[in-house]
Protein backbone atom coordinates (compact mmCIF):
# COMPACT_ATOMS: atom_id res chain seq x y z
CA MET A 1 0.07 0.13 -0.17
CA ASP A 2 1.51 3.17 -1.35
CA THR A 3 0.79 5.97 1.56
CA THR A 4 3.00 8.44 0.10
CA VAL A 5 0.55 9.86 -2.48
CA ARG A 6 -0.65 13.15 -1.30
CA TYR A 7 -4.23 13.69 -0.93
CA TRP A 8 -6.26 17.10 -1.35
CA ARG A 9 -9.96 18.16 -0.77
CA ILE A 10 -10.80 20.45 -3.68
CA MET A 11 -13.93 22.64 -4.12
CA PRO A 12 -14.48 23.33 -7.39
CA GLY A 13 -16.13 26.80 -7.27
CA ALA A 14 -18.58 27.87 -4.68
CA LYS A 15 -19.91 24.71 -3.09
CA SER A 16 -18.93 22.49 -5.96
CA LYS A 17 -20.70 24.02 -8.51
CA HIS A 18 -18.45 23.30 -11.42
CA ILE A 19 -17.95 19.31 -10.55
CA LYS A 20 -19.96 18.34 -13.39
CA GLU A 21 -17.72 20.67 -16.12
CA CYS A 22 -14.52 19.37 -13.99
CA ILE A 23 -15.57 15.56 -14.65
CA GLU A 24 -16.41 16.16 -17.96
CA GLN A 25 -13.70 17.63 -19.19
CA GLU A 26 -11.15 16.07 -16.93
CA PHE A 27 -9.69 19.18 -14.50
CA ILE A 28 -9.11 20.87 -11.49
CA GLY A 29 -8.66 24.38 -11.04
CA GLY A 30 -9.23 27.35 -9.25
CA ASP A 31 -10.01 31.38 -10.65
CA TRP A 32 -9.87 34.09 -7.64
CA ASP A 33 -9.84 36.68 -10.55
CA PHE A 34 -6.25 36.03 -11.10
CA PRO A 35 -5.89 37.78 -14.52
CA GLY A 36 -3.75 35.98 -17.24
CA ASP A 37 -1.29 32.71 -17.81
CA LEU A 38 0.58 32.15 -14.61
CA THR A 39 3.22 30.01 -16.32
CA GLY A 40 6.79 30.59 -15.08
CA HIS A 41 5.21 32.53 -11.89
CA LEU A 42 4.61 29.66 -9.85
CA PRO A 43 7.50 29.40 -7.55
CA ASP A 44 7.79 26.11 -5.64
CA ASN A 45 7.52 28.20 -2.33
CA TRP A 46 4.26 29.70 -2.00
CA ARG A 47 5.24 31.99 0.61
CA GLU A 48 7.47 33.46 -2.76
CA PHE A 49 4.03 33.65 -4.34
CA ASN A 50 2.28 35.26 -1.93
CA LYS A 51 4.29 37.49 -1.62
CA ALA A 52 4.48 38.58 -5.22
CA TYR A 53 0.57 38.17 -5.51
CA ILE A 54 -1.24 39.33 -2.68
CA PRO A 55 0.09 43.01 -3.66
CA VAL A 56 -2.01 41.98 -7.04
CA PHE A 57 -4.89 40.09 -6.06
CA LEU A 58 -5.61 43.46 -3.56
CA GLU A 59 -5.14 45.96 -6.26
CA ASN A 60 -8.11 44.12 -7.90
CA HIS A 61 -9.97 43.85 -5.16
CA PRO A 62 -9.42 47.01 -3.01
CA ASP A 63 -12.19 45.45 -0.35
CA LYS A 64 -10.51 42.65 0.77
CA THR A 65 -8.25 42.41 3.52
CA LYS A 66 -4.85 40.57 3.92
CA VAL A 67 -6.58 37.65 5.32
CA ALA A 68 -8.51 37.17 2.59
CA ALA A 69 -5.83 37.86 0.24
CA GLY A 70 -3.56 35.45 1.24
CA LEU A 71 -6.16 32.76 1.24
CA ALA A 72 -6.87 33.42 -2.18
CA CYS A 73 -3.45 33.28 -3.56
CA GLY A 74 -2.30 30.34 -1.18
CA MET A 75 -5.37 28.20 -2.17
CA LEU A 76 -4.53 28.98 -6.10
CA HIS A 77 -0.89 28.15 -5.77
CA THR A 78 -1.83 24.48 -3.96
CA ILE A 79 -3.92 23.95 -6.95
CA CYS A 80 -1.52 24.94 -9.71
CA LYS A 81 2.01 24.27 -8.59
CA GLY A 82 1.71 22.57 -4.78
CA MET A 83 -0.02 19.49 -5.64
CA PRO A 84 2.72 17.03 -7.25
CA VAL A 85 1.70 15.10 -10.30
CA GLY A 86 0.07 12.09 -9.14
CA SER A 87 -1.33 13.68 -6.13
CA ARG A 88 -5.18 12.26 -5.55
CA VAL A 89 -7.71 15.02 -5.35
CA LEU A 90 -11.07 14.49 -3.84
CA CYS A 91 -14.07 16.30 -4.81
CA PRO A 92 -17.70 16.58 -3.56
CA ASP A 93 -20.26 15.91 -6.01
CA GLY A 94 -23.29 17.51 -3.60
CA THR A 95 -24.59 13.91 -3.20
CA GLY A 96 -22.95 12.65 -0.51
CA VAL A 97 -20.16 11.29 -3.04
CA TYR A 98 -16.45 12.34 -3.29
CA ARG A 99 -15.14 12.05 -6.71
CA VAL A 100 -11.41 10.98 -6.74
CA GLY A 101 -9.08 11.59 -9.16
CA GLU A 102 -5.28 11.78 -9.73
CA VAL A 103 -3.25 14.44 -10.96
CA MET A 104 -2.26 14.42 -14.49
CA SER A 105 -0.36 17.53 -15.74
CA ASP A 106 1.55 20.27 -14.20
CA TYR A 107 -0.31 23.40 -14.47
CA CYS A 108 -2.09 24.53 -17.47
CA TYR A 109 -4.09 28.21 -18.24
CA ASP A 110 -7.16 28.04 -20.55
CA PRO A 111 -9.36 31.49 -20.08
CA SER A 112 -12.23 29.40 -21.90
CA LYS A 113 -12.88 27.19 -19.15
CA VAL A 114 -14.66 27.77 -15.86
CA LEU A 115 -11.85 27.94 -13.61
CA PRO A 116 -8.98 28.90 -15.90
CA HIS A 117 -6.32 28.23 -13.82
CA HIS A 118 -6.24 24.65 -13.57
CA ARG A 119 -4.56 20.94 -13.93
CA LYS A 120 -6.10 17.63 -16.06
CA VAL A 121 -7.12 15.47 -13.91
CA LYS A 122 -8.01 11.47 -14.78
CA TRP A 123 -11.22 10.40 -12.40
CA PHE A 124 -11.35 6.76 -11.65
CA ALA A 125 -12.92 6.72 -8.00
CA SER A 126 -15.88 7.76 -5.79
CA ILE A 127 -15.80 7.58 -1.99
CA ASN A 128 -19.24 7.72 -0.04
CA ARG A 129 -18.79 10.28 3.07
CA SER A 130 -20.40 7.67 4.94
CA ASP A 131 -17.87 5.43 5.01
CA MET A 132 -15.20 8.03 6.20
CA SER A 133 -13.98 8.00 10.00
CA GLN A 134 -15.46 11.10 11.92
CA ALA A 135 -12.10 12.54 11.64
CA LEU A 136 -11.91 11.90 8.11
CA LYS A 137 -15.14 13.33 8.14
CA ASN A 138 -14.47 16.40 9.89
CA SER A 139 -10.97 17.18 7.57
CA SER A 140 -12.82 16.69 4.17
CA GLY A 141 -15.80 18.99 5.05
CA SER A 142 -13.72 21.49 6.41
CA ILE A 143 -14.12 25.12 5.44
CA GLY A 144 -12.38 26.59 2.27
CA THR A 145 -11.76 25.51 -1.09
CA VAL A 146 -8.49 23.49 -0.83
CA SER A 147 -7.78 21.22 2.16
CA GLU A 148 -4.83 18.25 2.34
CA LEU A 149 -5.58 14.96 3.39
CA SER A 150 -2.53 13.49 3.11
CA LYS A 151 -2.25 12.49 6.85
CA TYR A 152 -5.70 10.20 5.95
CA ALA A 153 -3.73 8.42 3.03
CA GLU A 154 -4.07 4.95 4.48
CA GLU A 155 -7.39 5.17 5.18
CA MET A 156 -8.43 6.78 1.66
CA SER A 157 -6.26 4.25 0.24
CA GLU A 158 -8.41 1.46 1.60
CA LEU A 159 -11.75 3.22 1.05
CA ILE A 160 -10.79 3.54 -2.79
CA SER A 161 -9.85 -0.44 -2.91
CA GLY A 162 -13.78 -1.31 -1.29
CA ARG A 163 -11.96 -2.39 2.27
CA THR A 164 -13.11 -1.08 5.37
CA PRO A 165 -10.51 1.11 6.85
CA GLU A 166 -9.03 0.47 10.46
CA LEU A 167 -9.75 2.96 13.22
CA LEU A 168 -6.68 5.68 12.56
CA THR A 169 -4.80 6.64 15.67
CA HIS A 170 -2.85 9.74 15.73
CA THR A 171 1.37 10.17 15.40
CA ASP A 172 2.00 13.13 16.85
CA ALA A 173 4.78 12.80 19.41
CA SER A 174 3.86 15.76 21.20
CA ILE A 175 0.51 13.98 22.33
CA GLU A 176 0.47 12.97 25.87
CA ASP A 177 -3.10 12.32 26.65
CA PRO A 178 -4.37 10.22 23.13
CA SER A 179 -8.29 10.41 24.96
CA VAL A 180 -8.08 14.24 25.35
CA PHE A 181 -6.54 14.32 21.63
CA ALA A 182 -9.34 12.78 20.24
CA LEU A 183 -12.07 14.78 22.33
CA GLU A 184 -10.71 18.01 21.47
CA LYS A 185 -10.70 17.08 17.89
CA HIS A 186 -14.72 17.34 17.79
CA LEU A 187 -14.67 20.21 20.33
CA GLU A 188 -13.16 22.05 17.52
CA ASP A 189 -15.86 21.57 15.20
CA PHE A 190 -18.43 22.03 18.14
CA LEU A 191 -16.67 25.18 19.00
CA VAL A 192 -17.42 26.64 15.25
CA ALA A 193 -20.81 25.45 15.49
CA ASN A 194 -21.59 26.80 18.41
CA TRP A 195 -19.51 29.99 18.42
CA SER A 196 -22.31 32.14 19.45
CA GLN A 197 -22.74 30.94 22.52
CA THR A 198 -19.26 31.34 23.99
CA GLU A 199 -17.64 34.10 25.66
CA LEU A 200 -15.35 34.85 22.92
CA ALA A 201 -18.14 35.72 20.75
CA ALA A 202 -18.96 38.98 22.46
CA GLU A 203 -15.84 40.47 21.21
CA TYR A 204 -15.05 38.26 18.15
CA ASP A 205 -16.25 36.79 15.14
CA ILE A 206 -14.37 33.39 12.94
CA PHE A 207 -12.89 35.52 10.04
CA GLU A 208 -15.29 35.23 7.15
CA GLU A 209 -15.49 35.90 3.58
CA GLU A 210 -18.27 36.59 1.46
CA GLY A 211 -20.50 35.35 3.71
CA GLU A 212 -18.60 31.76 4.07
CA LEU A 213 -16.59 30.73 7.04
CA VAL A 214 -12.55 30.57 6.49
CA GLY A 215 -11.15 31.20 9.76
CA GLN A 216 -11.19 27.38 10.84
CA GLN A 217 -7.94 25.59 9.78
CA TYR A 218 -6.48 28.51 8.63
CA PRO A 219 -3.51 27.89 6.63
CA THR A 220 0.46 28.94 7.85
CA ASP A 221 3.62 28.35 6.90
CA THR A 222 4.07 26.35 9.94
CA GLY A 223 0.58 24.44 9.91
CA PRO A 224 -3.02 24.81 9.97
CA LEU A 225 -4.22 27.21 12.84
CA ASP A 226 -7.09 25.74 14.51
CA ILE A 227 -9.46 28.99 14.82
CA LEU A 228 -9.07 32.67 12.95
CA ALA A 229 -11.31 35.58 14.39
CA VAL A 230 -11.26 39.17 14.36
CA SER A 231 -12.79 41.54 16.68
CA LYS A 232 -15.98 43.20 15.79
CA ASP A 233 -14.31 46.71 15.68
CA LYS A 234 -11.88 44.82 13.13
CA LYS A 235 -8.85 46.01 15.36
CA THR A 236 -7.69 42.93 16.48
CA LEU A 237 -7.10 39.58 15.15
CA LEU A 238 -7.44 36.66 17.62
CA VAL A 239 -5.51 33.20 16.95
CA VAL A 240 -7.76 30.41 18.76
CA GLU A 241 -5.66 26.97 19.46
CA LEU A 242 -6.93 23.82 21.46
CA LYS A 243 -4.11 22.06 23.42
CA LYS A 244 -5.54 18.57 21.77
CA GLY A 245 -3.51 16.69 24.26
CA ARG A 246 -0.33 18.02 23.30
CA ALA A 247 2.44 18.84 26.25
CA SER A 248 1.91 22.49 27.07
CA ASP A 249 5.35 23.33 25.99
CA ALA A 250 4.56 22.42 22.49
CA VAL A 251 1.09 24.11 22.34
CA VAL A 252 2.60 27.60 23.65
CA GLY A 253 5.13 27.12 21.13
CA GLN A 254 3.09 26.66 18.23
CA ILE A 255 0.34 29.69 19.01
CA GLN A 256 3.33 31.77 19.30
CA ARG A 257 4.65 31.01 15.76
CA TYR A 258 0.82 30.89 14.26
CA MET A 259 0.36 34.31 15.99
CA GLY A 260 4.12 35.80 14.78
CA TYR A 261 2.73 34.69 11.03
CA VAL A 262 -0.33 36.46 11.55
CA LYS A 263 1.26 39.61 12.67
CA GLU A 264 3.73 39.50 9.57
CA GLU A 265 1.49 38.46 7.02
CA LEU A 266 -2.15 39.14 7.94
CA ALA A 267 -2.52 41.69 10.58
CA GLU A 268 -3.27 45.51 8.78
CA GLN A 269 -1.62 48.37 9.98
CA GLY A 270 -2.88 49.14 13.30
CA GLN A 271 -4.27 45.79 14.06
CA ASP A 272 -3.28 43.73 17.28
CA VAL A 273 -2.46 40.06 17.26
CA LYS A 274 -3.86 38.30 20.33
CA GLY A 275 -3.97 34.49 21.19
CA VAL A 276 -6.00 32.16 22.96
CA ILE A 277 -5.59 28.52 24.42
CA ILE A 278 -8.48 26.19 25.19
CA ALA A 279 -7.97 23.07 27.33
CA LEU A 280 -9.48 20.46 29.65
CA ASP A 281 -7.72 22.40 32.20
CA GLU A 282 -5.11 24.25 32.88
CA ASP A 283 -1.48 22.51 34.07
CA LEU A 284 1.35 23.71 35.96
CA ARG A 285 3.89 24.20 32.82
CA LEU A 286 0.93 25.97 30.96
CA LYS A 287 0.35 28.23 33.87
CA ARG A 288 4.19 29.10 34.26
CA ALA A 289 4.18 29.54 30.29
CA LEU A 290 1.54 31.76 30.20
CA SER A 291 2.44 33.80 33.18
CA VAL A 292 5.41 35.85 31.17
CA THR A 293 2.73 36.49 28.23
CA ASN A 294 0.47 39.54 27.73
CA ASN A 295 -1.23 38.29 24.80
CA ILE A 296 -2.35 34.79 25.30
CA GLU A 297 -4.91 34.07 27.37
CA PHE A 298 -6.11 30.90 28.30
CA TYR A 299 -10.15 29.13 28.39
CA SER A 300 -11.14 25.76 29.81
CA TYR A 301 -14.38 24.21 28.78
CA LYS A 302 -16.53 21.46 31.18
CA VAL A 303 -18.32 18.54 29.18
CA SER A 304 -21.18 17.78 30.23
CA PHE A 305 -22.90 14.12 29.86
CA SER A 306 -26.45 12.95 30.94
CA LEU A 307 -28.86 10.03 30.00
CA ARG A 308 -32.62 10.49 30.52
CA LYS A 309 -34.81 7.47 30.45
CA THR A 310 -37.12 7.82 27.44
CA ARG A 311 -39.15 4.41 27.95
C-alpha cells in the first residue's frame, strides 16, 4: 500500500458548483480573478508566490483584507503548483459522494474554462462520505476551497480499494493524552458550530469571506491554525488553539508561531494580534509559560453528559 501519495480535497467553485464541468472535461482548477497565464510565475515556495501576488490581488480587490488575499493566493498556488503530479484529489459532488481523481499534468491555463487556472485530472473512483472515519469526515468537510488530507492516505487508499479501514490513531509525538486529543478534535468543530454561545463571541467573530467561514484551520507556513477570529471593531486578530492533549510547551510554542505569522503576513496596519489556548484544565507548565506573556489567554471547558430514560 503506497501511503506516500498526497491527497487534497478541492471544491471546484463555491459549493462545488463546477463539479460537472470538471468531471466531463477532466480537470480541476481555481480562479479568484487572477488575470493572465501564470506559467513561469509559480515558485516552489508558496510564500514567494503570496509575496508577489497578494499586492496584485489587493489592487484588483481593494475591498478585501490581507487575510482574504493570503487565503486566495495560497489556495491558488496549491492547485497550480503545490500538488505534485500523481497527487489525488477528492471533490464532493453534492450527493454525499466524493469523486476521486489523479493529477496528470503540471499547471495549464485556459481562459475559456470556468476555472482557467487548472490541472488535468483522470477521475477513477468514488468514495461515500458515510464510509469515512469521523476524523476524515471533519477534515474533508473543512471550510475553504483547498484542504490537504494526506495524513489520511492509508484510510483513503482502503476506501478507494473498497476495503473497510481500521480505526486511525494519531502519530504526533507531542500528544501526551490520546483520549483528550480525540475529544478536542471534535471540540473544535463544536466550538465553530456554537461560536455564538461562547464568551469569545461577545467580542470576536470567526473570520468570514463573502459570507463563508474561512477562519477554521487557516493555513500558515507552520501548519494550519485551529481558528482565526477578528474583533467586531476589526482592530484585533485572534488566534485560537486547542491543546488537543499536547504537551504544554508544544502548544504554547505553536500558538506563538501562529501569532507571529498572523502579525507578519495577515494583520493590517494598526491591528493587534492576540491568542487564546483552550484546554480541559490548566497544568502547572502551561500556567508558568503563560505567566510571562501578556497577549495569550487561557480558557478551560467543561464536558456535560447525561442520560435520560425515555421508555
